[in-house]
Structures are given as C-alpha cells and as structure tokens.
C-alpha cells in the first residue's frame, strides 16, 4: 500500500509535465500589472445589538445596567420596559442629558424599532461610553417576544 502512493504521486507529476512543456513553448504574453483593488471593510459598530432575550438577561442580571428608552414621552407613557429611564433622542437637550450619565454603567438602549436607539448608541460611544447595547427591533420586538411592559 505504501508503494502505491508514490506511484500515484509520480503519475500525477508526469501528467503535469506536458502542461508545463506546452506553456514553456508559448511566447510570454506581455501583461500590464493589474492595479490592486482598494478593499475597505465596514467598521464593526462600536456597540452590540442584541435580540430581546439577551437584552432582558442583561437587564435583569447586571447590577450596573441602565435601560435607556430614547423614544418620545408619549411613546414612553404608552408602555415601557420596567425600570427604563427616558431621554428623548429627538429632544434638543439629548446630548447634554447623555453627557451627564455615569460612563461606568452599561446602557441598554432602545426605541420603537431600533433606528433611533442605534443612532443614540453610536453617539454615546463617541462621547466615551464603553458599554452600550442596542435592542434589535426595539420596543416592537420586545413586546412581540412577550417581555414585560409597564405603564
């Protein structure tokens, strides 16, 4: 059995020889060097986006977690995640209010469907918040998952 492997390998090498010989007989074609493609990779968001289940686990198990609802006061009044703190993303003083928050805490940010909260999370990271988590699908996904809501 050991003898056959070298023979198979030798046969493969011998069958490749005519290809090399044929290539050597052809005149070398002049080819211009191809420009290197400028590959840019999208940056990983500086915050995590998670589904309702892991968001809820963080909310209930982490002592330094703050649920931050960035919807309007009207949306908040219709129902919100228990214990959530409201800071309206559309408010003129949003950035000023965010800057006053404790940066040592983990912020679990959400809105209605995830757009405003992703923007808020990005802004928080730019302001130096190292622990920001965005709720994928927002309050709509939270409710659809059967998670608790208070009014």
N, C-alpha and C. Protein backbone atom coordinates (compact mmCIF):
# COMPACT_ATOMS: atom_id res chain seq x y z
N UNK A 1 0.81 -1.19 0.00
CA UNK A 1 0.00 0.00 0.00
C UNK A 1 0.86 1.26 0.00
N UNK A 2 1.96 1.21 0.73
CA UNK A 2 2.85 2.37 0.77
C UNK A 2 3.52 2.60 -0.57
N UNK A 3 3.69 1.56 -1.33
CA UNK A 3 4.34 1.66 -2.64
C UNK A 3 3.44 2.37 -3.63
N UNK A 4 2.14 2.19 -3.52
CA UNK A 4 1.21 2.77 -4.48
C UNK A 4 1.12 4.29 -4.37
N UNK A 5 1.21 4.82 -3.19
CA UNK A 5 1.10 6.27 -3.04
C UNK A 5 2.18 7.00 -3.83
N UNK A 6 3.46 6.60 -3.70
CA UNK A 6 4.46 7.29 -4.51
C UNK A 6 4.22 7.11 -6.00
N UNK A 7 3.73 5.95 -6.40
CA UNK A 7 3.46 5.74 -7.83
C UNK A 7 2.35 6.66 -8.30
N UNK A 8 1.30 6.80 -7.50
CA UNK A 8 0.22 7.70 -7.88
C UNK A 8 0.72 9.14 -7.96
N UNK A 9 1.54 9.51 -7.00
CA UNK A 9 2.10 10.85 -6.99
C UNK A 9 3.00 11.06 -8.20
N UNK A 10 3.82 10.05 -8.50
CA UNK A 10 4.70 10.16 -9.66
C UNK A 10 3.89 10.27 -10.93
N UNK A 11 2.80 9.52 -11.02
CA UNK A 11 1.93 9.60 -12.20
C UNK A 11 1.31 10.97 -12.34
N UNK A 12 0.92 11.56 -11.23
CA UNK A 12 0.33 12.90 -11.27
C UNK A 12 1.37 13.92 -11.71
N UNK A 13 2.59 13.75 -11.25
CA UNK A 13 3.65 14.68 -11.64
C UNK A 13 3.98 14.52 -13.11
N UNK A 14 4.03 13.28 -13.59
CA UNK A 14 4.34 13.05 -15.00
C UNK A 14 3.24 13.60 -15.90
N UNK A 15 2.00 13.49 -15.48
CA UNK A 15 0.92 14.00 -16.32
C UNK A 15 0.94 15.52 -16.36
N UNK A 16 1.56 16.16 -15.38
CA UNK A 16 1.63 17.62 -15.36
C UNK A 16 2.75 18.15 -16.22
N UNK A 17 3.74 17.31 -16.52
CA UNK A 17 4.90 17.75 -17.29
C UNK A 17 4.51 18.29 -18.65
N UNK A 18 3.66 17.61 -19.43
CA UNK A 18 3.32 18.15 -20.75
C UNK A 18 2.68 19.54 -20.67
N UNK A 19 1.93 19.82 -19.62
CA UNK A 19 1.31 21.13 -19.46
C UNK A 19 2.39 22.20 -19.31
N UNK A 20 3.38 21.88 -18.48
CA UNK A 20 4.46 22.85 -18.29
C UNK A 20 5.26 23.02 -19.58
N UNK A 21 5.51 21.91 -20.27
CA UNK A 21 6.26 21.98 -21.51
C UNK A 21 5.51 22.80 -22.56
N UNK A 22 4.21 22.61 -22.63
CA UNK A 22 3.40 23.35 -23.60
C UNK A 22 3.41 24.83 -23.27
N UNK A 23 3.33 25.16 -21.97
CA UNK A 23 3.35 26.56 -21.56
C UNK A 23 4.70 27.19 -21.86
N UNK A 24 5.78 26.43 -21.72
CA UNK A 24 7.11 26.97 -21.96
C UNK A 24 7.33 27.26 -23.44
N UNK A 25 6.66 26.52 -24.32
CA UNK A 25 6.82 26.72 -25.75
C UNK A 25 6.12 27.97 -26.24
N UNK A 26 5.14 28.48 -25.51
CA UNK A 26 4.40 29.67 -25.92
C UNK A 26 5.22 30.91 -25.61
N UNK A 27 5.16 31.90 -26.49
CA UNK A 27 5.86 33.14 -26.16
C UNK A 27 5.15 33.83 -24.98
N UNK A 28 5.91 34.42 -24.14
CA UNK A 28 5.34 35.08 -22.96
C UNK A 28 4.53 36.29 -23.40
N UNK A 29 3.30 36.34 -22.98
CA UNK A 29 2.44 37.47 -23.31
C UNK A 29 2.76 38.62 -22.37
N UNK A 30 2.79 39.82 -22.94
CA UNK A 30 3.04 40.98 -22.10
C UNK A 30 1.75 41.33 -21.38
N UNK A 31 1.86 41.42 -20.10
CA UNK A 31 0.69 41.79 -19.31
C UNK A 31 1.04 42.98 -18.45
N UNK A 32 0.15 43.89 -18.43
CA UNK A 32 0.31 45.05 -17.57
C UNK A 32 -0.06 44.64 -16.15
N UNK A 33 0.66 45.13 -15.17
CA UNK A 33 0.27 44.80 -13.79
C UNK A 33 -1.12 45.36 -13.50
N UNK A 34 -1.92 44.51 -12.89
CA UNK A 34 -3.27 44.94 -12.54
C UNK A 34 -3.21 45.78 -11.28
N UNK A 35 -3.94 46.88 -11.28
CA UNK A 35 -3.94 47.70 -10.05
C UNK A 35 -4.58 46.92 -8.91
N UNK A 36 -4.06 47.10 -7.73
CA UNK A 36 -4.62 46.46 -6.55
C UNK A 36 -5.97 47.09 -6.23
N UNK A 37 -6.92 46.25 -5.92
CA UNK A 37 -8.24 46.75 -5.51
C UNK A 37 -8.10 47.40 -4.14
N UNK A 38 -8.78 48.49 -3.97
CA UNK A 38 -8.75 49.17 -2.68
C UNK A 38 -9.87 48.58 -1.82
N UNK A 39 -9.52 47.57 -1.04
CA UNK A 39 -10.52 46.92 -0.21
C UNK A 39 -10.70 47.68 1.08
N UNK A 40 -11.92 48.01 1.36
CA UNK A 40 -12.24 48.62 2.64
C UNK A 40 -13.32 47.76 3.26
N UNK A 41 -13.14 47.47 4.50
CA UNK A 41 -14.09 46.65 5.21
C UNK A 41 -14.94 47.54 6.09
N UNK A 42 -16.23 47.27 6.15
CA UNK A 42 -17.08 48.10 7.01
C UNK A 42 -16.64 47.95 8.46
N UNK A 43 -16.66 49.06 9.14
CA UNK A 43 -16.27 49.02 10.55
C UNK A 43 -17.33 48.30 11.36
N UNK A 44 -16.87 47.57 12.35
CA UNK A 44 -17.80 46.92 13.27
C UNK A 44 -18.38 48.01 14.15
N UNK A 45 -19.69 48.00 14.33
CA UNK A 45 -20.26 49.02 15.19
C UNK A 45 -19.60 48.99 16.56
N UNK A 46 -19.40 50.14 17.15
CA UNK A 46 -18.72 50.19 18.44
C UNK A 46 -19.62 49.77 19.61
N UNK A 47 -20.80 49.28 19.30
CA UNK A 47 -21.73 48.80 20.33
C UNK A 47 -22.35 47.51 19.83
N UNK A 48 -22.92 46.75 20.74
CA UNK A 48 -23.56 45.49 20.37
C UNK A 48 -25.05 45.71 20.16
N UNK A 49 -25.61 44.98 19.22
CA UNK A 49 -27.06 44.96 19.00
C UNK A 49 -27.51 43.54 19.27
N UNK A 50 -28.46 43.39 20.19
CA UNK A 50 -28.90 42.06 20.58
C UNK A 50 -30.43 41.95 20.51
N UNK A 51 -30.88 40.72 20.43
CA UNK A 51 -32.32 40.41 20.41
C UNK A 51 -32.91 40.60 21.81
N UNK A 52 -34.24 40.56 21.92
CA UNK A 52 -34.88 40.79 23.22
C UNK A 52 -34.42 39.84 24.35
N UNK A 53 -34.19 38.58 24.06
CA UNK A 53 -33.83 37.64 25.13
C UNK A 53 -32.51 38.00 25.80
N UNK A 54 -31.41 38.18 25.06
CA UNK A 54 -30.18 38.57 25.74
C UNK A 54 -30.25 39.97 26.36
N UNK A 55 -31.02 40.87 25.74
CA UNK A 55 -31.23 42.20 26.29
C UNK A 55 -31.88 42.09 27.67
N UNK A 56 -32.89 41.23 27.77
CA UNK A 56 -33.59 41.03 29.04
C UNK A 56 -32.67 40.39 30.09
N UNK A 57 -31.84 39.44 29.67
CA UNK A 57 -30.89 38.83 30.61
C UNK A 57 -29.93 39.88 31.16
N UNK A 58 -29.43 40.75 30.30
CA UNK A 58 -28.54 41.82 30.76
C UNK A 58 -29.28 42.73 31.74
N UNK A 59 -30.51 43.05 31.39
CA UNK A 59 -31.32 43.95 32.22
C UNK A 59 -31.55 43.39 33.61
N UNK A 60 -31.82 42.11 33.69
CA UNK A 60 -32.17 41.52 34.99
C UNK A 60 -30.98 41.01 35.79
N UNK A 61 -29.88 40.70 35.12
CA UNK A 61 -28.75 40.09 35.82
C UNK A 61 -27.60 41.04 36.13
N UNK A 62 -27.52 42.15 35.44
CA UNK A 62 -26.40 43.06 35.66
C UNK A 62 -26.79 44.18 36.61
N UNK A 63 -26.03 44.32 37.67
CA UNK A 63 -26.35 45.34 38.67
C UNK A 63 -26.04 46.75 38.18
N UNK A 64 -25.13 46.87 37.21
CA UNK A 64 -24.78 48.21 36.71
C UNK A 64 -25.48 48.56 35.40
N UNK A 65 -26.51 47.81 35.03
CA UNK A 65 -27.22 48.06 33.77
C UNK A 65 -28.31 49.10 33.94
N UNK A 66 -28.40 50.00 32.97
CA UNK A 66 -29.44 51.03 32.94
C UNK A 66 -30.17 50.89 31.61
N UNK A 67 -31.47 50.67 31.67
CA UNK A 67 -32.27 50.62 30.45
C UNK A 67 -32.58 52.06 30.07
N UNK A 68 -32.17 52.44 28.87
CA UNK A 68 -32.35 53.81 28.40
C UNK A 68 -33.31 53.81 27.22
N UNK A 69 -34.47 54.38 27.44
CA UNK A 69 -35.52 54.47 26.42
C UNK A 69 -35.35 55.83 25.73
N UNK A 70 -35.10 55.82 24.43
CA UNK A 70 -34.85 57.08 23.71
C UNK A 70 -36.05 57.50 22.85
N UNK A 71 -37.22 56.96 23.17
CA UNK A 71 -38.43 57.34 22.45
C UNK A 71 -38.96 58.67 23.01
N UNK A 72 -40.07 59.11 22.46
CA UNK A 72 -40.71 60.34 22.94
C UNK A 72 -41.45 60.07 24.24
N UNK A 73 -41.74 61.11 25.02
CA UNK A 73 -42.51 60.91 26.26
C UNK A 73 -43.88 60.26 26.00
N UNK A 74 -44.48 60.59 24.86
CA UNK A 74 -45.79 59.99 24.52
C UNK A 74 -45.66 58.48 24.30
N UNK A 75 -44.61 58.08 23.59
CA UNK A 75 -44.39 56.65 23.36
C UNK A 75 -44.10 55.94 24.69
N UNK A 76 -43.29 56.56 25.51
CA UNK A 76 -42.91 56.01 26.81
C UNK A 76 -44.15 55.79 27.68
N UNK A 77 -45.07 56.76 27.68
CA UNK A 77 -46.28 56.68 28.50
C UNK A 77 -47.19 55.53 28.09
N UNK A 78 -47.15 55.13 26.82
CA UNK A 78 -47.99 54.03 26.34
C UNK A 78 -47.49 52.67 26.82
N UNK A 79 -46.26 52.61 27.28
CA UNK A 79 -45.69 51.36 27.78
C UNK A 79 -44.18 51.36 27.57
N UNK A 80 -43.46 50.89 28.60
CA UNK A 80 -42.00 50.87 28.51
C UNK A 80 -41.45 49.67 29.28
N UNK A 81 -40.19 49.39 29.08
CA UNK A 81 -39.52 48.30 29.78
C UNK A 81 -39.42 48.70 31.26
N UNK A 82 -39.74 47.78 32.16
CA UNK A 82 -39.68 48.12 33.59
C UNK A 82 -38.32 48.71 34.00
N UNK A 83 -38.39 49.82 34.72
CA UNK A 83 -37.19 50.48 35.22
C UNK A 83 -36.47 51.37 34.23
N UNK A 84 -37.03 51.51 33.02
CA UNK A 84 -36.35 52.30 31.98
C UNK A 84 -36.29 53.78 32.34
N UNK A 85 -35.21 54.40 31.93
CA UNK A 85 -35.02 55.85 32.10
C UNK A 85 -35.26 56.46 30.72
N UNK A 86 -36.05 57.53 30.68
CA UNK A 86 -36.38 58.17 29.41
C UNK A 86 -35.47 59.36 29.13
N UNK A 87 -34.85 59.34 27.96
CA UNK A 87 -34.15 60.51 27.42
C UNK A 87 -34.49 60.53 25.94
N UNK A 88 -35.36 61.43 25.55
CA UNK A 88 -35.88 61.53 24.19
C UNK A 88 -34.76 61.88 23.20
N UNK A 89 -34.53 61.00 22.24
CA UNK A 89 -33.50 61.22 21.23
C UNK A 89 -33.78 62.46 20.39
N UNK A 90 -35.06 62.77 20.19
CA UNK A 90 -35.43 63.92 19.36
C UNK A 90 -35.38 65.25 20.12
N UNK A 91 -35.18 65.21 21.42
CA UNK A 91 -35.15 66.43 22.23
C UNK A 91 -33.88 67.23 21.95
N UNK A 92 -34.00 68.53 22.01
CA UNK A 92 -32.86 69.43 21.76
C UNK A 92 -31.73 69.22 22.75
N UNK A 93 -32.06 68.80 23.97
CA UNK A 93 -31.03 68.63 25.01
C UNK A 93 -30.56 67.17 25.16
N UNK A 94 -30.82 66.35 24.15
CA UNK A 94 -30.45 64.93 24.24
C UNK A 94 -28.97 64.74 24.57
N UNK A 95 -28.09 65.36 23.81
CA UNK A 95 -26.65 65.19 24.03
C UNK A 95 -26.23 65.69 25.41
N UNK A 96 -26.76 66.81 25.82
CA UNK A 96 -26.41 67.37 27.14
C UNK A 96 -26.85 66.41 28.26
N UNK A 97 -28.01 65.80 28.09
CA UNK A 97 -28.50 64.87 29.12
C UNK A 97 -27.69 63.57 29.13
N UNK A 98 -27.30 63.11 27.95
CA UNK A 98 -26.48 61.90 27.85
C UNK A 98 -25.12 62.13 28.49
N UNK A 99 -24.54 63.28 28.25
CA UNK A 99 -23.20 63.59 28.79
C UNK A 99 -23.16 63.55 30.31
N UNK A 100 -24.31 63.74 30.97
CA UNK A 100 -24.38 63.74 32.43
C UNK A 100 -24.47 62.33 33.02
N UNK A 101 -24.66 61.32 32.18
CA UNK A 101 -24.81 59.94 32.68
C UNK A 101 -23.46 59.37 33.13
N UNK A 102 -23.53 58.41 34.03
CA UNK A 102 -22.35 57.73 34.57
C UNK A 102 -21.79 56.77 33.52
N UNK A 103 -20.58 57.03 33.05
CA UNK A 103 -19.97 56.22 32.00
C UNK A 103 -19.51 54.85 32.48
N UNK A 104 -19.52 54.61 33.77
CA UNK A 104 -19.11 53.30 34.27
C UNK A 104 -20.24 52.27 34.19
N UNK A 105 -21.43 52.71 33.88
CA UNK A 105 -22.59 51.81 33.79
C UNK A 105 -22.69 51.21 32.38
N UNK A 106 -23.44 50.13 32.28
CA UNK A 106 -23.76 49.54 30.97
C UNK A 106 -25.14 50.05 30.58
N UNK A 107 -25.26 50.63 29.39
CA UNK A 107 -26.52 51.19 28.93
C UNK A 107 -27.17 50.29 27.90
N UNK A 108 -28.40 49.89 28.20
CA UNK A 108 -29.22 49.07 27.33
C UNK A 108 -30.21 50.01 26.66
N UNK A 109 -29.93 50.37 25.43
CA UNK A 109 -30.66 51.43 24.74
C UNK A 109 -31.71 50.83 23.80
N UNK A 110 -32.88 51.46 23.80
CA UNK A 110 -33.91 51.01 22.85
C UNK A 110 -34.83 52.17 22.47
N UNK A 111 -35.53 51.96 21.36
CA UNK A 111 -36.55 52.91 20.89
C UNK A 111 -37.74 52.07 20.43
N UNK A 112 -38.46 52.53 19.43
CA UNK A 112 -39.63 51.79 18.97
C UNK A 112 -39.25 50.57 18.11
N UNK A 113 -38.36 50.76 17.12
CA UNK A 113 -37.98 49.66 16.23
C UNK A 113 -36.48 49.49 16.05
N UNK A 114 -35.67 50.36 16.60
CA UNK A 114 -34.22 50.18 16.56
C UNK A 114 -33.41 51.25 15.85
N UNK A 115 -34.03 52.12 15.09
CA UNK A 115 -33.29 53.15 14.35
C UNK A 115 -32.73 54.25 15.23
N UNK A 116 -33.59 54.87 16.02
CA UNK A 116 -33.14 55.95 16.91
C UNK A 116 -32.15 55.44 17.95
N UNK A 117 -32.42 54.24 18.47
CA UNK A 117 -31.54 53.72 19.51
C UNK A 117 -30.15 53.40 18.94
N UNK A 118 -30.07 52.94 17.70
CA UNK A 118 -28.75 52.69 17.09
C UNK A 118 -27.99 54.00 16.95
N UNK A 119 -28.68 55.07 16.54
CA UNK A 119 -28.04 56.38 16.43
C UNK A 119 -27.64 56.90 17.80
N UNK A 120 -28.49 56.70 18.79
CA UNK A 120 -28.18 57.14 20.15
C UNK A 120 -26.98 56.36 20.70
N UNK A 121 -26.95 55.04 20.46
CA UNK A 121 -25.84 54.21 20.93
C UNK A 121 -24.53 54.65 20.28
N UNK A 122 -24.58 54.93 18.99
CA UNK A 122 -23.38 55.40 18.29
C UNK A 122 -22.90 56.72 18.88
N UNK A 123 -23.82 57.62 19.15
CA UNK A 123 -23.46 58.91 19.74
C UNK A 123 -22.87 58.72 21.14
N UNK A 124 -23.44 57.81 21.91
CA UNK A 124 -22.94 57.55 23.26
C UNK A 124 -21.50 57.05 23.22
N UNK A 125 -21.21 56.14 22.28
CA UNK A 125 -19.86 55.62 22.16
C UNK A 125 -18.90 56.75 21.79
N UNK A 126 -19.31 57.64 20.89
CA UNK A 126 -18.47 58.78 20.52
C UNK A 126 -18.22 59.71 21.71
N UNK A 127 -19.15 59.73 22.65
CA UNK A 127 -18.99 60.54 23.86
C UNK A 127 -18.18 59.83 24.95
N UNK A 128 -17.74 58.61 24.67
CA UNK A 128 -16.87 57.91 25.61
C UNK A 128 -17.53 56.84 26.46
N UNK A 129 -18.74 56.43 26.12
CA UNK A 129 -19.41 55.36 26.86
C UNK A 129 -18.90 54.02 26.32
N UNK A 130 -18.24 53.22 27.16
CA UNK A 130 -17.66 51.97 26.66
C UNK A 130 -18.60 50.77 26.63
N UNK A 131 -19.72 50.84 27.33
CA UNK A 131 -20.61 49.68 27.46
C UNK A 131 -22.03 50.04 27.02
N UNK A 132 -22.28 49.94 25.73
CA UNK A 132 -23.59 50.29 25.18
C UNK A 132 -24.12 49.10 24.39
N UNK A 133 -25.38 48.75 24.65
CA UNK A 133 -26.04 47.65 23.96
C UNK A 133 -27.35 48.18 23.39
N UNK A 134 -27.61 47.89 22.12
CA UNK A 134 -28.81 48.32 21.43
C UNK A 134 -29.78 47.14 21.29
N UNK A 135 -31.07 47.40 21.51
CA UNK A 135 -32.09 46.36 21.36
C UNK A 135 -32.51 46.25 19.89
N UNK A 136 -32.22 45.11 19.29
CA UNK A 136 -32.58 44.85 17.90
C UNK A 136 -34.10 44.77 17.77
N UNK A 137 -34.68 45.63 16.98
CA UNK A 137 -36.13 45.62 16.78
C UNK A 137 -36.90 46.48 17.76
N UNK A 138 -36.20 47.04 18.73
CA UNK A 138 -36.79 47.97 19.67
C UNK A 138 -37.95 47.41 20.48
N UNK A 139 -38.80 48.34 20.92
CA UNK A 139 -39.95 48.00 21.78
C UNK A 139 -40.91 47.05 21.06
N UNK A 140 -41.00 47.18 19.75
CA UNK A 140 -41.88 46.31 18.98
C UNK A 140 -41.43 44.85 19.12
N UNK A 141 -40.13 44.59 19.00
CA UNK A 141 -39.60 43.24 19.14
C UNK A 141 -39.72 42.76 20.59
N UNK A 142 -39.51 43.68 21.53
CA UNK A 142 -39.62 43.36 22.96
C UNK A 142 -41.02 42.84 23.27
N UNK A 143 -42.03 43.57 22.82
CA UNK A 143 -43.42 43.18 23.07
C UNK A 143 -43.77 41.88 22.35
N UNK A 144 -43.29 41.72 21.10
CA UNK A 144 -43.55 40.51 20.33
C UNK A 144 -42.94 39.28 21.01
N UNK A 145 -41.86 39.49 21.74
CA UNK A 145 -41.21 38.38 22.45
C UNK A 145 -41.89 38.07 23.78
N UNK A 146 -42.94 38.85 24.12
CA UNK A 146 -43.68 38.60 25.35
C UNK A 146 -42.96 39.09 26.60
N UNK A 147 -42.08 40.04 26.44
CA UNK A 147 -41.32 40.59 27.58
C UNK A 147 -42.18 41.57 28.37
N UNK A 148 -41.83 41.82 29.63
CA UNK A 148 -42.67 42.68 30.48
C UNK A 148 -42.67 44.14 30.05
N UNK A 149 -43.85 44.75 30.19
CA UNK A 149 -44.05 46.16 29.85
C UNK A 149 -44.80 46.80 31.01
N UNK A 150 -44.36 47.98 31.40
CA UNK A 150 -45.10 48.70 32.44
C UNK A 150 -45.55 50.04 31.89
N UNK A 151 -46.62 50.58 32.54
CA UNK A 151 -47.16 51.89 32.12
C UNK A 151 -47.10 52.85 33.26
